[in-house]
Amino acid sequence: MFYSNMFTLLAEAEVGKHFYWNLAGFLVHGQVLVVIWFVVVILLLFAFLGTSNTDRIPHGWQNFMEAAVDFVTDIAKDQLGESFYKEWIPFIGTLFFFIFGCNWAGAIIPWKLIELPEGEFAAPTNDINTTVALALLTSFAYFYAGLSKKGFGYFKRYIQPIPLLLPINILEDFTKPLSLSFRLFGNVLADELTISVLTSLVPLVIPLPIMLLGIFAGSVQALIFSTLAAAYIAEALE
């Protein structure tokens, strides 16, 4: 009876419903903010464990965190090159770790067991508002990169190689955040809906490999988003 009720709760998928909070006159998705705060606390805890009691020869949490930082450093270096990558490591690393944490939190933690008046807890990245915000931050970042390096001469790229390409180059700046946001949102949402449907049909055996695949896919999506963000910044710095 217990397992039957548990899997019934897991199988309930609510798309488009939210538990709204009124903050200073603004309606926000409360369940998304709660999971985001949870992910941020976990990331800060990992950072604290990895940087306290550091040794010249890393071990334990320090070794793990240094390997993680080296990984995001390689992403920035591969896309931005030796000349520019260092100043962009914090931004690229923050994107990667935040998306990675959100995707894993949605895939591993059984949030659906916690009932809300409206909506349900899930990965923040299955909310289009979260992914659009991340995509807009990326857009602001590569505009800042281009303007800080080239000044207003950055806008010459819109008429290169020929002025006839001006509309297409402008359109490109709208399609970049759109593709970033909808790719991440669509993949995470599709994974959660697939697991919900399979859980309702075959409660125990079949969903497990799909959940493992979802964990892997969430990691890949974090890598893709941060890599594309670094690539767009590198393009602005060319």
C-alpha atoms as a PDB file:
ATOM      1  CA  MET A   1       0.000   0.000   0.000  1.00  0.00           C
ATOM      2  CA  PHE A   2       2.843   2.397   0.887  1.00  0.00           C
ATOM      3  CA  TYR A   3       4.667   1.782  -2.392  1.00  0.00           C
ATOM      4  CA  SER A   4       1.436   2.082  -4.339  1.00  0.00           C
ATOM      5  CA  ASN A   5       0.738   5.513  -2.832  1.00  0.00           C
ATOM      6  CA  MET A   6       4.338   6.607  -3.325  1.00  0.00           C
ATOM      7  CA  PHE A   7       4.383   5.775  -7.016  1.00  0.00           C
ATOM      8  CA  THR A   8       0.960   7.332  -7.477  1.00  0.00           C
ATOM      9  CA  LEU A   9       2.424  10.597  -6.178  1.00  0.00           C
ATOM     10  CA  LEU A  10       5.478  10.208  -8.391  1.00  0.00           C
ATOM     11  CA  ALA A  11       3.289   9.643 -11.429  1.00  0.00           C
ATOM     12  CA  GLU A  12       1.369  12.900 -11.000  1.00  0.00           C
ATOM     13  CA  ALA A  13       2.765  15.410 -13.459  1.00  0.00           C
ATOM     14  CA  GLU A  14       1.549  19.000 -13.312  1.00  0.00           C
ATOM     15  CA  VAL A  15       2.742  21.151 -16.181  1.00  0.00           C
ATOM     16  CA  GLY A  16       2.126  24.894 -16.137  1.00  0.00           C
ATOM     17  CA  LYS A  17       0.834  25.039 -12.544  1.00  0.00           C
ATOM     18  CA  HIS A  18       2.777  27.058  -9.988  1.00  0.00           C
ATOM     19  CA  PHE A  19       2.713  27.878  -6.298  1.00  0.00           C
ATOM     20  CA  TYR A  20       2.792  31.677  -6.458  1.00  0.00           C
ATOM     21  CA  TRP A  21       4.387  33.968  -3.894  1.00  0.00           C
ATOM     22  CA  ASN A  22       3.733  37.696  -3.753  1.00  0.00           C
ATOM     23  CA  LEU A  23       7.043  39.453  -3.139  1.00  0.00           C
ATOM     24  CA  ALA A  24       6.861  43.270  -3.103  1.00  0.00           C
ATOM     25  CA  GLY A  25       3.953  43.181  -5.506  1.00  0.00           C
ATOM     26  CA  PHE A  26       5.570  40.685  -7.881  1.00  0.00           C
ATOM     27  CA  LEU A  27       4.191  37.180  -8.386  1.00  0.00           C
ATOM     28  CA  VAL A  28       7.011  34.625  -8.398  1.00  0.00           C
ATOM     29  CA  HIS A  29       7.048  30.840  -8.695  1.00  0.00           C
ATOM     30  CA  GLY A  30       7.614  29.832  -5.087  1.00  0.00           C
ATOM     31  CA  GLN A  31       8.486  26.193  -5.729  1.00  0.00           C
ATOM     32  CA  VAL A  32      11.191  27.214  -8.211  1.00  0.00           C
ATOM     33  CA  LEU A  33      12.761  29.679  -5.752  1.00  0.00           C
ATOM     34  CA  VAL A  34      12.824  27.068  -2.977  1.00  0.00           C
ATOM     35  CA  VAL A  35      14.700  24.536  -5.120  1.00  0.00           C
ATOM     36  CA  ILE A  36      17.062  27.242  -6.413  1.00  0.00           C
ATOM     37  CA  TRP A  37      17.896  28.240  -2.823  1.00  0.00           C
ATOM     38  CA  PHE A  38      18.424  24.575  -1.978  1.00  0.00           C
ATOM     39  CA  VAL A  39      20.840  24.159  -4.922  1.00  0.00           C
ATOM     40  CA  VAL A  40      22.718  27.349  -3.999  1.00  0.00           C
ATOM     41  CA  VAL A  41      23.116  26.171  -0.391  1.00  0.00           C
ATOM     42  CA  ILE A  42      24.434  22.789  -1.572  1.00  0.00           C
ATOM     43  CA  LEU A  43      26.921  24.477  -3.938  1.00  0.00           C
ATOM     44  CA  LEU A  44      28.108  26.808  -1.160  1.00  0.00           C
ATOM     45  CA  LEU A  45      28.492  23.814   1.158  1.00  0.00           C
ATOM     46  CA  PHE A  46      30.609  21.981  -1.431  1.00  0.00           C
ATOM     47  CA  ALA A  47      32.719  25.113  -1.920  1.00  0.00           C
ATOM     48  CA  PHE A  48      33.220  25.456   1.844  1.00  0.00           C
ATOM     49  CA  LEU A  49      34.194  21.804   2.263  1.00  0.00           C
ATOM     50  CA  GLY A  50      36.577  22.035  -0.681  1.00  0.00           C
ATOM     51  CA  THR A  51      38.358  25.201   0.485  1.00  0.00           C
ATOM     52  CA  SER A  52      38.603  24.631   4.235  1.00  0.00           C
ATOM     53  CA  ASN A  53      41.789  22.998   5.525  1.00  0.00           C
ATOM     54  CA  THR A  54      43.510  23.091   2.154  1.00  0.00           C
ATOM     55  CA  ASP A  55      46.825  21.299   1.705  1.00  0.00           C
ATOM     56  CA  ARG A  56      49.576  21.514  -0.885  1.00  0.00           C
ATOM     57  CA  ILE A  57      48.748  17.929  -1.851  1.00  0.00           C
ATOM     58  CA  PRO A  58      44.965  17.892  -2.325  1.00  0.00           C
ATOM     59  CA  HIS A  59      42.848  15.114  -0.865  1.00  0.00           C
ATOM     60  CA  GLY A  60      39.193  14.450  -0.133  1.00  0.00           C
ATOM     61  CA  TRP A  61      36.844  17.344  -0.839  1.00  0.00           C
ATOM     62  CA  GLN A  62      39.725  19.603  -1.860  1.00  0.00           C
ATOM     63  CA  ASN A  63      40.741  17.122  -4.554  1.00  0.00           C
ATOM     64  CA  PHE A  64      37.154  16.866  -5.782  1.00  0.00           C
ATOM     65  CA  MET A  65      36.649  20.634  -5.943  1.00  0.00           C
ATOM     66  CA  GLU A  66      39.984  21.254  -7.662  1.00  0.00           C
ATOM     67  CA  ALA A  67      39.045  18.675 -10.302  1.00  0.00           C
ATOM     68  CA  ALA A  68      35.672  20.414 -10.806  1.00  0.00           C
ATOM     69  CA  VAL A  69      37.310  23.840 -11.132  1.00  0.00           C
ATOM     70  CA  ASP A  70      39.884  22.430 -13.557  1.00  0.00           C
ATOM     71  CA  PHE A  71      37.020  21.055 -15.649  1.00  0.00           C
ATOM     72  CA  VAL A  72      35.263  24.422 -16.043  1.00  0.00           C
ATOM     73  CA  THR A  73      38.638  26.105 -16.554  1.00  0.00           C
ATOM     74  CA  ASP A  74      39.242  23.808 -19.517  1.00  0.00           C
ATOM     75  CA  ILE A  75      35.834  24.764 -20.945  1.00  0.00           C
ATOM     76  CA  ALA A  76      36.718  28.466 -20.770  1.00  0.00           C
ATOM     77  CA  LYS A  77      40.245  27.951 -22.073  1.00  0.00           C
ATOM     78  CA  ASP A  78      39.152  25.795 -25.030  1.00  0.00           C
ATOM     79  CA  GLN A  79      36.597  28.365 -26.184  1.00  0.00           C
ATOM     80  CA  LEU A  80      38.227  31.677 -25.230  1.00  0.00           C
ATOM     81  CA  GLY A  81      41.908  30.893 -25.654  1.00  0.00           C
ATOM     82  CA  GLU A  82      44.854  31.690 -23.425  1.00  0.00           C
ATOM     83  CA  SER A  83      44.426  35.470 -23.709  1.00  0.00           C
ATOM     84  CA  PHE A  84      40.897  35.877 -22.333  1.00  0.00           C
ATOM     85  CA  TYR A  85      39.788  32.765 -20.471  1.00  0.00           C
ATOM     86  CA  LYS A  86      40.897  33.649 -16.909  1.00  0.00           C
ATOM     87  CA  GLU A  87      38.564  36.598 -16.399  1.00  0.00           C
ATOM     88  CA  TRP A  88      35.594  34.541 -17.625  1.00  0.00           C
ATOM     89  CA  ILE A  89      36.149  31.423 -15.493  1.00  0.00           C
ATOM     90  CA  PRO A  90      33.829  32.685 -12.677  1.00  0.00           C
ATOM     91  CA  PHE A  91      30.945  33.327 -15.070  1.00  0.00           C
ATOM     92  CA  ILE A  92      31.313  30.102 -17.079  1.00  0.00           C
ATOM     93  CA  GLY A  93      31.879  28.097 -13.899  1.00  0.00           C
ATOM     94  CA  THR A  94      28.820  29.597 -12.194  1.00  0.00           C
ATOM     95  CA  LEU A  95      26.631  28.740 -15.192  1.00  0.00           C
ATOM     96  CA  PHE A  96      27.908  25.166 -15.320  1.00  0.00           C
ATOM     97  CA  PHE A  97      27.658  24.407 -11.607  1.00  0.00           C
ATOM     98  CA  PHE A  98      24.246  26.064 -11.213  1.00  0.00           C
ATOM     99  CA  ILE A  99      22.676  24.231 -14.167  1.00  0.00           C
ATOM    100  CA  PHE A 100      24.401  20.997 -13.179  1.00  0.00           C
ATOM    101  CA  GLY A 101      23.096  21.314  -9.608  1.00  0.00           C
ATOM    102  CA  CYS A 102      19.552  22.178 -10.727  1.00  0.00           C
ATOM    103  CA  ASN A 103      19.372  19.270 -13.167  1.00  0.00           C
ATOM    104  CA  TRP A 104      20.723  16.769 -10.649  1.00  0.00           C
ATOM    105  CA  ALA A 105      18.447  18.070  -7.906  1.00  0.00           C
ATOM    106  CA  GLY A 106      15.463  17.483 -10.170  1.00  0.00           C
ATOM    107  CA  ALA A 107      16.640  14.023 -11.243  1.00  0.00           C
ATOM    108  CA  ILE A 108      17.769  12.580  -7.899  1.00  0.00           C
ATOM    109  CA  ILE A 109      15.561  14.087  -5.183  1.00  0.00           C
ATOM    110  CA  PRO A 110      11.935  12.802  -5.092  1.00  0.00           C
ATOM    111  CA  TRP A 111      10.376  16.256  -4.889  1.00  0.00           C
ATOM    112  CA  LYS A 112       6.974  14.973  -5.996  1.00  0.00           C
ATOM    113  CA  LEU A 113       6.517  13.326  -2.609  1.00  0.00           C
ATOM    114  CA  ILE A 114       6.132  16.852  -1.160  1.00  0.00           C
ATOM    115  CA  GLU A 115       2.625  18.106  -1.882  1.00  0.00           C
ATOM    116  CA  LEU A 116       1.941  21.778  -2.569  1.00  0.00           C
ATOM    117  CA  PRO A 117      -1.367  23.655  -2.899  1.00  0.00           C
ATOM    118  CA  GLU A 118      -0.502  24.261  -6.564  1.00  0.00           C
ATOM    119  CA  GLY A 119       2.298  22.949  -8.752  1.00  0.00           C
ATOM    120  CA  GLU A 120       5.138  20.748  -7.543  1.00  0.00           C
ATOM    121  CA  PHE A 121       8.805  20.889  -6.692  1.00  0.00           C
ATOM    122  CA  ALA A 122      11.080  19.988  -9.610  1.00  0.00           C
ATOM    123  CA  ALA A 123      14.297  21.035 -11.315  1.00  0.00           C
ATOM    124  CA  PRO A 124      14.323  24.844 -11.657  1.00  0.00           C
ATOM    125  CA  THR A 125      15.513  24.366 -15.234  1.00  0.00           C
ATOM    126  CA  ASN A 126      12.177  22.848 -16.228  1.00  0.00           C
ATOM    127  CA  ASP A 127      10.707  26.341 -15.746  1.00  0.00           C
ATOM    128  CA  ILE A 128      11.101  28.490 -18.863  1.00  0.00           C
ATOM    129  CA  ASN A 129      11.602  31.612 -16.732  1.00  0.00           C
ATOM    130  CA  THR A 130      14.786  30.154 -15.241  1.00  0.00           C
ATOM    131  CA  THR A 131      16.297  29.138 -18.569  1.00  0.00           C
ATOM    132  CA  VAL A 132      15.381  32.466 -20.205  1.00  0.00           C
ATOM    133  CA  ALA A 133      17.048  34.327 -17.320  1.00  0.00           C
ATOM    134  CA  LEU A 134      20.227  32.263 -17.787  1.00  0.00           C
ATOM    135  CA  ALA A 135      20.145  32.867 -21.546  1.00  0.00           C
ATOM    136  CA  LEU A 136      19.687  36.637 -21.088  1.00  0.00           C
ATOM    137  CA  LEU A 137      22.613  36.709 -18.646  1.00  0.00           C
ATOM    138  CA  THR A 138      24.695  35.036 -21.336  1.00  0.00           C
ATOM    139  CA  SER A 139      23.576  37.623 -23.894  1.00  0.00           C
ATOM    140  CA  PHE A 140      24.479  40.496 -21.557  1.00  0.00           C
ATOM    141  CA  ALA A 141      27.834  38.824 -20.929  1.00  0.00           C
ATOM    142  CA  TYR A 142      28.871  38.614 -24.579  1.00  0.00           C
ATOM    143  CA  PHE A 143      27.657  42.143 -25.288  1.00  0.00           C
ATOM    144  CA  TYR A 144      29.713  43.330 -22.311  1.00  0.00           C
ATOM    145  CA  ALA A 145      32.721  41.363 -23.568  1.00  0.00           C
ATOM    146  CA  GLY A 146      32.520  42.878 -27.039  1.00  0.00           C
ATOM    147  CA  LEU A 147      31.904  46.448 -25.869  1.00  0.00           C
ATOM    148  CA  SER A 148      34.609  46.346 -23.205  1.00  0.00           C
ATOM    149  CA  LYS A 149      37.195  45.185 -25.730  1.00  0.00           C
ATOM    150  CA  LYS A 150      36.191  47.105 -28.851  1.00  0.00           C
ATOM    151  CA  GLY A 151      33.983  49.937 -27.617  1.00  0.00           C
ATOM    152  CA  PHE A 152      31.262  50.988 -30.030  1.00  0.00           C
ATOM    153  CA  GLY A 153      33.385  49.502 -32.812  1.00  0.00           C
ATOM    154  CA  TYR A 154      31.880  46.186 -31.700  1.00  0.00           C
ATOM    155  CA  PHE A 155      28.731  47.039 -33.659  1.00  0.00           C
ATOM    156  CA  LYS A 156      30.702  47.005 -36.907  1.00  0.00           C
ATOM    157  CA  ARG A 157      30.266  43.236 -36.863  1.00  0.00           C
ATOM    158  CA  TYR A 158      26.631  43.729 -37.863  1.00  0.00           C
ATOM    159  CA  ILE A 159      27.615  45.032 -41.305  1.00  0.00           C
ATOM    160  CA  GLN A 160      30.422  42.550 -41.903  1.00  0.00           C
ATOM    161  CA  PRO A 161      31.346  41.112 -44.290  1.00  0.00           C
ATOM    162  CA  ILE A 162      28.749  43.149 -46.211  1.00  0.00           C
ATOM    163  CA  PRO A 163      26.050  45.612 -45.007  1.00  0.00           C
ATOM    164  CA  LEU A 164      23.416  43.439 -46.706  1.00  0.00           C
ATOM    165  CA  LEU A 165      23.760  40.965 -43.806  1.00  0.00           C
ATOM    166  CA  LEU A 166      22.656  43.530 -41.175  1.00  0.00           C
ATOM    167  CA  PRO A 167      19.142  42.023 -40.636  1.00  0.00           C
ATOM    168  CA  ILE A 168      20.543  38.496 -40.361  1.00  0.00           C
ATOM    169  CA  ASN A 169      23.232  39.540 -37.881  1.00  0.00           C
ATOM    170  CA  ILE A 170      20.649  41.342 -35.740  1.00  0.00           C
ATOM    171  CA  LEU A 171      18.344  38.330 -35.888  1.00  0.00           C
ATOM    172  CA  GLU A 172      21.220  36.137 -34.702  1.00  0.00           C
ATOM    173  CA  ASP A 173      21.350  38.024 -31.398  1.00  0.00           C
ATOM    174  CA  PHE A 174      17.701  37.093 -30.789  1.00  0.00           C
ATOM    175  CA  THR A 175      18.051  33.459 -31.812  1.00  0.00           C
ATOM    176  CA  LYS A 176      21.022  32.798 -29.501  1.00  0.00           C
ATOM    177  CA  PRO A 177      19.135  33.299 -26.207  1.00  0.00           C
ATOM    178  CA  LEU A 178      16.060  31.616 -27.671  1.00  0.00           C
ATOM    179  CA  SER A 179      17.993  28.493 -28.625  1.00  0.00           C
ATOM    180  CA  LEU A 180      19.864  28.419 -25.302  1.00  0.00           C
ATOM    181  CA  SER A 181      16.731  28.745 -23.202  1.00  0.00           C
ATOM    182  CA  PHE A 182      14.427  26.396 -25.134  1.00  0.00           C
ATOM    183  CA  ARG A 183      17.090  23.702 -25.568  1.00  0.00           C
ATOM    184  CA  LEU A 184      17.707  23.480 -21.824  1.00  0.00           C
ATOM    185  CA  PHE A 185      14.039  23.855 -20.879  1.00  0.00           C
ATOM    186  CA  GLY A 186      12.814  21.326 -23.443  1.00  0.00           C
ATOM    187  CA  ASN A 187      15.327  18.629 -22.567  1.00  0.00           C
ATOM    188  CA  VAL A 188      14.785  18.855 -18.809  1.00  0.00           C
ATOM    189  CA  LEU A 189      10.988  19.007 -19.085  1.00  0.00           C
ATOM    190  CA  ALA A 190      10.877  16.118 -21.559  1.00  0.00           C
ATOM    191  CA  ASP A 191      13.007  13.974 -19.275  1.00  0.00           C
ATOM    192  CA  GLU A 192      10.785  14.621 -16.243  1.00  0.00           C
ATOM    193  CA  LEU A 193       7.591  13.965 -18.201  1.00  0.00           C
ATOM    194  CA  THR A 194       9.034  10.732 -19.613  1.00  0.00           C
ATOM    195  CA  ILE A 195       9.913   9.489 -16.137  1.00  0.00           C
ATOM    196  CA  SER A 196       6.457  10.439 -14.832  1.00  0.00           C
ATOM    197  CA  VAL A 197       4.668   8.556 -17.619  1.00  0.00           C
ATOM    198  CA  LEU A 198       6.854   5.456 -17.326  1.00  0.00           C
ATOM    199  CA  THR A 199       6.479   5.476 -13.548  1.00  0.00           C
ATOM    200  CA  SER A 200       2.698   5.426 -13.922  1.00  0.00           C
ATOM    201  CA  LEU A 201       2.868   2.511 -16.384  1.00  0.00           C
ATOM    202  CA  VAL A 202       5.686   0.384 -14.925  1.00  0.00           C
ATOM    203  CA  PRO A 203       6.368   1.702 -11.419  1.00  0.00           C
ATOM    204  CA  LEU A 204       9.652   0.016 -10.522  1.00  0.00           C
ATOM    205  CA  VAL A 205      11.874  -1.524 -13.200  1.00  0.00           C
ATOM    206  CA  ILE A 206      11.645   0.487 -16.417  1.00  0.00           C
ATOM    207  CA  PRO A 207      11.980   4.051 -14.999  1.00  0.00           C
ATOM    208  CA  LEU A 208      15.336   3.358 -13.285  1.00  0.00           C
ATOM    209  CA  PRO A 209      17.515   3.319 -16.444  1.00  0.00           C
ATOM    210  CA  ILE A 210      15.542   6.299 -17.752  1.00  0.00           C
ATOM    211  CA  MET A 211      16.320   8.163 -14.516  1.00  0.00           C
ATOM    212  CA  LEU A 212      20.008   7.332 -14.919  1.00  0.00           C
ATOM    213  CA  LEU A 213      19.813   8.548 -18.505  1.00  0.00           C
ATOM    214  CA  GLY A 214      18.162  11.734 -17.215  1.00  0.00           C
ATOM    215  CA  ILE A 215      21.038  12.317 -14.789  1.00  0.00           C
ATOM    216  CA  PHE A 216      23.512  11.880 -17.648  1.00  0.00           C
ATOM    217  CA  ALA A 217      21.471  14.133 -19.948  1.00  0.00           C
ATOM    218  CA  GLY A 218      21.282  16.817 -17.248  1.00  0.00           C
ATOM    219  CA  SER A 219      25.065  16.803 -16.968  1.00  0.00           C
ATOM    220  CA  VAL A 220      25.416  17.062 -20.744  1.00  0.00           C
ATOM    221  CA  GLN A 221      22.959  19.974 -20.879  1.00  0.00           C
ATOM    222  CA  ALA A 222      25.012  21.867 -18.283  1.00  0.00           C
ATOM    223  CA  LEU A 223      28.122  21.251 -20.377  1.00  0.00           C
ATOM    224  CA  ILE A 224      26.416  22.333 -23.621  1.00  0.00           C
ATOM    225  CA  PHE A 225      24.996  25.539 -22.125  1.00  0.00           C
ATOM    226  CA  SER A 226      28.272  26.645 -20.534  1.00  0.00           C
ATOM    227  CA  THR A 227      30.277  25.718 -23.636  1.00  0.00           C
ATOM    228  CA  LEU A 228      27.964  27.691 -25.929  1.00  0.00           C
ATOM    229  CA  ALA A 229      28.056  30.651 -23.536  1.00  0.00           C
ATOM    230  CA  ALA A 230      31.861  30.608 -23.662  1.00  0.00           C
ATOM    231  CA  ALA A 231      31.765  30.282 -27.468  1.00  0.00           C
ATOM    232  CA  TYR A 232      29.459  33.308 -27.798  1.00  0.00           C
ATOM    233  CA  ILE A 233      31.730  35.370 -25.557  1.00  0.00           C
ATOM    234  CA  ALA A 234      34.734  34.274 -27.606  1.00  0.00           C
ATOM    235  CA  GLU A 235      32.931  35.314 -30.781  1.00  0.00           C
ATOM    236  CA  ALA A 236      32.331  38.784 -29.319  1.00  0.00           C
ATOM    237  CA  LEU A 237      36.020  39.075 -28.398  1.00  0.00           C
ATOM    238  CA  GLU A 238      37.350  38.075 -31.838  1.00  0.00           C
END
